Amino acid sequence: MSKFLINVPNEERTDGCTPDSIKYKKDCDDFVCLEDGTIVRECRYCNLSQVCRQIDILPNGKVMPMEANALPVYNNKGELIEHELFCTGMYDLRSRNERSEDDKVS
């Protein structure tokens, strides 16, 4: 279960995991499919991306980063507003050096 303030009631969880986390075999117990305005939702990314730190703390105390992708966000006129990080709910198993390459401007 989350160490952060994630609003998914315990009665909606199974063994501490959300139904979406179990169904899509995500590493994050709090994963909820992204509400993208469609009936089926986008299940590659988490709906909690903007309110979560996108990390997990394992039982041994180790902090595990989550894999996230910077996706474009458009307004209703189709204009690019910004890029936002959306969490995949999976551990980012790359080394720290590999992850730091993501932060460099090309």
N, C-alpha and C. Protein backbone atom coordinates (compact mmCIF):
# COMPACT_ATOMS: atom_id res chain seq x y z
N MET A 1 0.84 -1.18 0.00
CA MET A 1 0.00 0.00 0.00
C MET A 1 0.88 1.24 0.00
N SER A 2 0.38 2.31 -0.49
CA SER A 2 1.12 3.54 -0.66
C SER A 2 1.60 4.12 0.67
N LYS A 3 2.76 4.72 0.62
CA LYS A 3 3.29 5.44 1.77
C LYS A 3 2.89 6.90 1.69
N PHE A 4 2.16 7.26 0.63
CA PHE A 4 1.76 8.63 0.37
C PHE A 4 0.24 8.72 0.45
N LEU A 5 -0.28 9.90 0.33
CA LEU A 5 -1.71 10.13 0.44
C LEU A 5 -2.38 9.89 -0.91
N ILE A 6 -2.73 8.64 -1.18
CA ILE A 6 -3.41 8.26 -2.41
C ILE A 6 -4.83 7.88 -2.05
N ASN A 7 -5.80 8.50 -2.69
CA ASN A 7 -7.20 8.34 -2.32
C ASN A 7 -7.87 7.18 -3.07
N VAL A 8 -7.49 5.95 -2.73
CA VAL A 8 -8.18 4.76 -3.22
C VAL A 8 -8.59 4.00 -1.97
N PRO A 9 -9.90 3.95 -1.69
CA PRO A 9 -10.36 3.33 -0.44
C PRO A 9 -9.91 1.87 -0.29
N ASN A 10 -9.65 1.47 0.94
CA ASN A 10 -9.20 0.10 1.21
C ASN A 10 -10.19 -0.95 0.74
N GLU A 11 -11.49 -0.65 0.80
CA GLU A 11 -12.48 -1.65 0.38
C GLU A 11 -12.44 -1.89 -1.13
N GLU A 12 -11.79 -1.01 -1.89
CA GLU A 12 -11.63 -1.21 -3.33
C GLU A 12 -10.33 -1.93 -3.66
N ARG A 13 -9.56 -2.29 -2.66
CA ARG A 13 -8.25 -2.91 -2.87
C ARG A 13 -8.31 -4.40 -2.56
N THR A 14 -7.40 -5.15 -3.18
CA THR A 14 -7.20 -6.56 -2.89
C THR A 14 -5.75 -6.73 -2.48
N ASP A 15 -5.52 -7.21 -1.28
CA ASP A 15 -4.16 -7.34 -0.74
C ASP A 15 -3.38 -6.04 -0.86
N GLY A 16 -4.06 -4.90 -0.66
CA GLY A 16 -3.41 -3.60 -0.70
C GLY A 16 -3.26 -3.01 -2.08
N CYS A 17 -3.68 -3.73 -3.12
CA CYS A 17 -3.51 -3.27 -4.50
C CYS A 17 -4.84 -2.84 -5.11
N THR A 18 -4.78 -1.83 -5.97
CA THR A 18 -5.97 -1.41 -6.70
C THR A 18 -6.31 -2.47 -7.76
N PRO A 19 -7.56 -2.54 -8.19
CA PRO A 19 -7.93 -3.50 -9.24
C PRO A 19 -7.13 -3.32 -10.53
N ASP A 20 -6.86 -2.06 -10.91
CA ASP A 20 -6.07 -1.81 -12.13
C ASP A 20 -4.64 -2.28 -11.98
N SER A 21 -4.07 -2.12 -10.78
CA SER A 21 -2.71 -2.59 -10.52
C SER A 21 -2.60 -4.09 -10.73
N ILE A 22 -3.59 -4.81 -10.25
CA ILE A 22 -3.60 -6.27 -10.39
C ILE A 22 -3.85 -6.67 -11.84
N LYS A 23 -4.88 -6.08 -12.44
CA LYS A 23 -5.28 -6.45 -13.81
C LYS A 23 -4.16 -6.24 -14.82
N TYR A 24 -3.41 -5.15 -14.68
CA TYR A 24 -2.37 -4.82 -15.65
C TYR A 24 -0.97 -5.17 -15.16
N LYS A 25 -0.88 -5.91 -14.04
CA LYS A 25 0.39 -6.41 -13.50
C LYS A 25 1.42 -5.29 -13.32
N LYS A 26 0.99 -4.23 -12.64
CA LYS A 26 1.86 -3.08 -12.38
C LYS A 26 2.64 -3.28 -11.09
N ASP A 27 3.83 -2.70 -11.01
CA ASP A 27 4.64 -2.75 -9.79
C ASP A 27 4.04 -1.88 -8.70
N CYS A 28 3.38 -0.80 -9.08
CA CYS A 28 2.80 0.14 -8.12
C CYS A 28 1.45 -0.38 -7.63
N ASP A 29 1.29 -0.49 -6.32
CA ASP A 29 0.02 -0.95 -5.72
C ASP A 29 -1.11 0.04 -5.92
N ASP A 30 -0.79 1.31 -6.20
CA ASP A 30 -1.79 2.37 -6.29
C ASP A 30 -2.19 2.71 -7.72
N PHE A 31 -1.71 1.97 -8.70
CA PHE A 31 -1.95 2.29 -10.10
C PHE A 31 -3.45 2.33 -10.42
N VAL A 32 -3.87 3.42 -11.10
CA VAL A 32 -5.25 3.60 -11.58
C VAL A 32 -5.14 4.08 -13.03
N CYS A 33 -5.81 3.40 -13.94
CA CYS A 33 -5.73 3.76 -15.36
C CYS A 33 -6.09 5.24 -15.57
N LEU A 34 -5.38 5.87 -16.50
CA LEU A 34 -5.55 7.28 -16.79
C LEU A 34 -6.92 7.55 -17.40
N GLU A 35 -7.65 8.46 -16.79
CA GLU A 35 -8.95 8.90 -17.31
C GLU A 35 -8.66 9.88 -18.45
N ASP A 36 -8.71 9.36 -19.67
CA ASP A 36 -8.36 10.18 -20.83
C ASP A 36 -9.58 10.63 -21.63
N GLY A 37 -10.76 10.45 -21.07
CA GLY A 37 -11.98 10.87 -21.75
C GLY A 37 -12.60 9.79 -22.63
N THR A 38 -11.98 8.61 -22.68
CA THR A 38 -12.55 7.50 -23.44
C THR A 38 -13.22 6.53 -22.49
N ILE A 39 -14.03 5.64 -23.02
CA ILE A 39 -14.71 4.64 -22.19
C ILE A 39 -13.72 3.64 -21.60
N VAL A 40 -12.73 3.23 -22.41
CA VAL A 40 -11.80 2.18 -21.97
C VAL A 40 -10.65 2.71 -21.11
N ARG A 41 -10.40 4.00 -21.16
CA ARG A 41 -9.29 4.63 -20.41
C ARG A 41 -7.94 4.21 -20.99
N GLU A 42 -6.89 4.93 -20.64
CA GLU A 42 -5.53 4.64 -21.09
C GLU A 42 -4.81 3.90 -19.98
N CYS A 43 -4.52 2.64 -20.17
CA CYS A 43 -3.97 1.83 -19.08
C CYS A 43 -2.46 1.68 -19.13
N ARG A 44 -1.81 2.42 -20.01
CA ARG A 44 -0.34 2.45 -19.97
C ARG A 44 0.13 3.44 -18.91
N TYR A 45 -0.71 4.44 -18.60
CA TYR A 45 -0.32 5.50 -17.68
C TYR A 45 -1.30 5.62 -16.52
N CYS A 46 -0.81 6.17 -15.42
CA CYS A 46 -1.58 6.25 -14.19
C CYS A 46 -2.31 7.59 -14.07
N ASN A 47 -3.55 7.52 -13.60
CA ASN A 47 -4.37 8.71 -13.39
C ASN A 47 -3.87 9.54 -12.21
N LEU A 48 -3.03 8.97 -11.38
CA LEU A 48 -2.52 9.66 -10.20
C LEU A 48 -1.16 10.32 -10.44
N SER A 49 -0.71 10.38 -11.70
CA SER A 49 0.62 10.89 -12.02
C SER A 49 0.89 12.30 -11.50
N GLN A 50 -0.12 13.18 -11.53
CA GLN A 50 0.11 14.56 -11.09
C GLN A 50 0.09 14.73 -9.58
N VAL A 51 -0.35 13.73 -8.83
CA VAL A 51 -0.40 13.86 -7.38
C VAL A 51 0.54 12.90 -6.66
N CYS A 52 1.30 12.15 -7.40
CA CYS A 52 2.18 11.12 -6.82
C CYS A 52 3.63 11.50 -7.05
N ARG A 53 4.50 11.06 -6.15
CA ARG A 53 5.93 11.34 -6.30
C ARG A 53 6.60 10.39 -7.28
N GLN A 54 5.86 9.40 -7.76
CA GLN A 54 6.33 8.44 -8.76
C GLN A 54 7.56 7.66 -8.28
N ILE A 55 7.48 7.25 -7.00
CA ILE A 55 8.48 6.37 -6.42
C ILE A 55 7.75 5.34 -5.55
N ASP A 56 8.45 4.29 -5.19
CA ASP A 56 7.91 3.31 -4.25
C ASP A 56 8.98 3.05 -3.21
N ILE A 57 8.58 2.78 -2.01
CA ILE A 57 9.52 2.42 -0.96
C ILE A 57 9.27 0.96 -0.64
N LEU A 58 10.28 0.15 -0.90
CA LEU A 58 10.18 -1.29 -0.70
C LEU A 58 10.21 -1.62 0.79
N PRO A 59 9.77 -2.82 1.18
CA PRO A 59 9.77 -3.20 2.60
C PRO A 59 11.15 -3.10 3.26
N ASN A 60 12.23 -3.23 2.48
CA ASN A 60 13.58 -3.12 3.04
C ASN A 60 14.05 -1.67 3.15
N GLY A 61 13.17 -0.70 2.78
CA GLY A 61 13.50 0.72 2.89
C GLY A 61 14.11 1.32 1.64
N LYS A 62 14.38 0.50 0.64
CA LYS A 62 14.99 1.00 -0.60
C LYS A 62 13.94 1.77 -1.41
N VAL A 63 14.36 2.91 -1.95
CA VAL A 63 13.48 3.73 -2.78
C VAL A 63 13.65 3.30 -4.23
N MET A 64 12.52 2.99 -4.87
CA MET A 64 12.53 2.57 -6.28
C MET A 64 11.82 3.63 -7.11
N PRO A 65 12.51 4.19 -8.12
CA PRO A 65 11.84 5.14 -9.01
C PRO A 65 10.90 4.41 -9.96
N MET A 66 9.86 5.09 -10.36
CA MET A 66 8.93 4.55 -11.34
C MET A 66 9.26 5.10 -12.72
N GLU A 67 9.00 4.30 -13.72
CA GLU A 67 9.22 4.75 -15.10
C GLU A 67 8.10 5.72 -15.47
N ALA A 68 8.49 6.85 -16.02
CA ALA A 68 7.52 7.86 -16.44
C ALA A 68 7.92 8.40 -17.81
N ASN A 69 6.94 8.81 -18.56
CA ASN A 69 7.18 9.37 -19.89
C ASN A 69 6.65 10.78 -19.94
N ALA A 70 7.40 11.67 -20.59
CA ALA A 70 6.94 13.05 -20.79
C ALA A 70 6.04 13.07 -22.01
N LEU A 71 4.77 13.36 -21.79
CA LEU A 71 3.79 13.38 -22.88
C LEU A 71 3.31 14.80 -23.12
N PRO A 72 3.02 15.14 -24.37
CA PRO A 72 2.53 16.48 -24.67
C PRO A 72 1.10 16.67 -24.17
N VAL A 73 0.82 17.86 -23.68
CA VAL A 73 -0.53 18.23 -23.24
C VAL A 73 -0.99 19.37 -24.13
N TYR A 74 -2.16 19.17 -24.77
CA TYR A 74 -2.70 20.16 -25.70
C TYR A 74 -3.96 20.80 -25.12
N ASN A 75 -4.21 22.05 -25.50
CA ASN A 75 -5.46 22.68 -25.09
C ASN A 75 -6.56 22.30 -26.08
N ASN A 76 -7.77 22.82 -25.89
CA ASN A 76 -8.90 22.45 -26.76
C ASN A 76 -8.78 22.99 -28.18
N LYS A 77 -7.81 23.87 -28.43
CA LYS A 77 -7.57 24.39 -29.78
C LYS A 77 -6.49 23.58 -30.50
N GLY A 78 -5.96 22.55 -29.82
CA GLY A 78 -4.91 21.73 -30.42
C GLY A 78 -3.51 22.31 -30.30
N GLU A 79 -3.36 23.31 -29.45
CA GLU A 79 -2.05 23.94 -29.25
C GLU A 79 -1.32 23.26 -28.10
N LEU A 80 -0.04 23.01 -28.30
CA LEU A 80 0.79 22.40 -27.26
C LEU A 80 0.95 23.36 -26.10
N ILE A 81 0.59 22.90 -24.90
CA ILE A 81 0.70 23.74 -23.70
C ILE A 81 2.01 23.44 -22.98
N GLU A 82 2.26 22.14 -22.75
CA GLU A 82 3.43 21.72 -21.99
C GLU A 82 3.64 20.22 -22.16
N HIS A 83 4.69 19.73 -21.57
CA HIS A 83 4.92 18.29 -21.47
C HIS A 83 4.79 17.92 -20.00
N GLU A 84 4.09 16.85 -19.71
CA GLU A 84 3.83 16.41 -18.34
C GLU A 84 4.31 14.97 -18.19
N LEU A 85 4.88 14.66 -17.01
CA LEU A 85 5.34 13.28 -16.75
C LEU A 85 4.15 12.42 -16.35
N PHE A 86 3.97 11.31 -17.05
CA PHE A 86 2.94 10.34 -16.72
C PHE A 86 3.61 9.03 -16.34
N CYS A 87 3.25 8.50 -15.19
CA CYS A 87 3.84 7.30 -14.63
C CYS A 87 3.26 6.05 -15.28
N THR A 88 4.11 5.06 -15.54
CA THR A 88 3.67 3.79 -16.13
C THR A 88 3.27 2.78 -15.07
N GLY A 89 3.60 3.05 -13.81
CA GLY A 89 3.30 2.10 -12.74
C GLY A 89 4.31 0.97 -12.64
N MET A 90 5.38 1.05 -13.44
CA MET A 90 6.42 0.02 -13.44
C MET A 90 7.72 0.61 -12.90
N TYR A 91 8.50 -0.22 -12.21
CA TYR A 91 9.79 0.23 -11.71
C TYR A 91 10.71 0.61 -12.86
N ASP A 92 11.47 1.68 -12.70
CA ASP A 92 12.48 2.08 -13.66
C ASP A 92 13.78 1.41 -13.21
N LEU A 93 14.15 0.33 -13.87
CA LEU A 93 15.28 -0.49 -13.45
C LEU A 93 16.61 -0.04 -14.06
N ARG A 94 16.60 1.08 -14.77
CA ARG A 94 17.85 1.59 -15.35
C ARG A 94 18.74 2.15 -14.24
N SER A 95 20.03 2.23 -14.54
CA SER A 95 20.97 2.79 -13.57
C SER A 95 20.72 4.29 -13.43
N ARG A 96 21.25 4.86 -12.36
CA ARG A 96 21.09 6.31 -12.13
C ARG A 96 21.66 7.12 -13.29
N ASN A 97 22.81 6.68 -13.83
CA ASN A 97 23.42 7.38 -14.96
C ASN A 97 22.52 7.35 -16.19
N GLU A 98 21.89 6.22 -16.46
CA GLU A 98 20.99 6.13 -17.60
C GLU A 98 19.77 7.03 -17.40
N ARG A 99 19.24 7.06 -16.18
CA ARG A 99 18.08 7.91 -15.90
C ARG A 99 18.42 9.40 -16.02
N SER A 100 19.65 9.77 -15.66
CA SER A 100 20.04 11.18 -15.71
C SER A 100 20.11 11.67 -17.15
N GLU A 101 20.31 10.78 -18.11
CA GLU A 101 20.31 11.17 -19.53
C GLU A 101 18.95 11.72 -19.94
N ASP A 102 17.88 11.27 -19.29
CA ASP A 102 16.53 11.76 -19.60
C ASP A 102 16.38 13.24 -19.30
N ASP A 103 17.15 13.75 -18.36
CA ASP A 103 17.02 15.13 -17.91
C ASP A 103 17.83 16.11 -18.77
N LYS A 104 18.67 15.59 -19.65
CA LYS A 104 19.52 16.47 -20.46
C LYS A 104 18.76 16.96 -21.69
N VAL A 105 18.99 18.22 -22.00
CA VAL A 105 18.40 18.83 -23.19
C VAL A 105 19.23 18.43 -24.39
N SER A 106 18.55 18.00 -25.43
CA SER A 106 19.31 17.61 -26.64
C SER A 106 19.35 18.72 -27.65
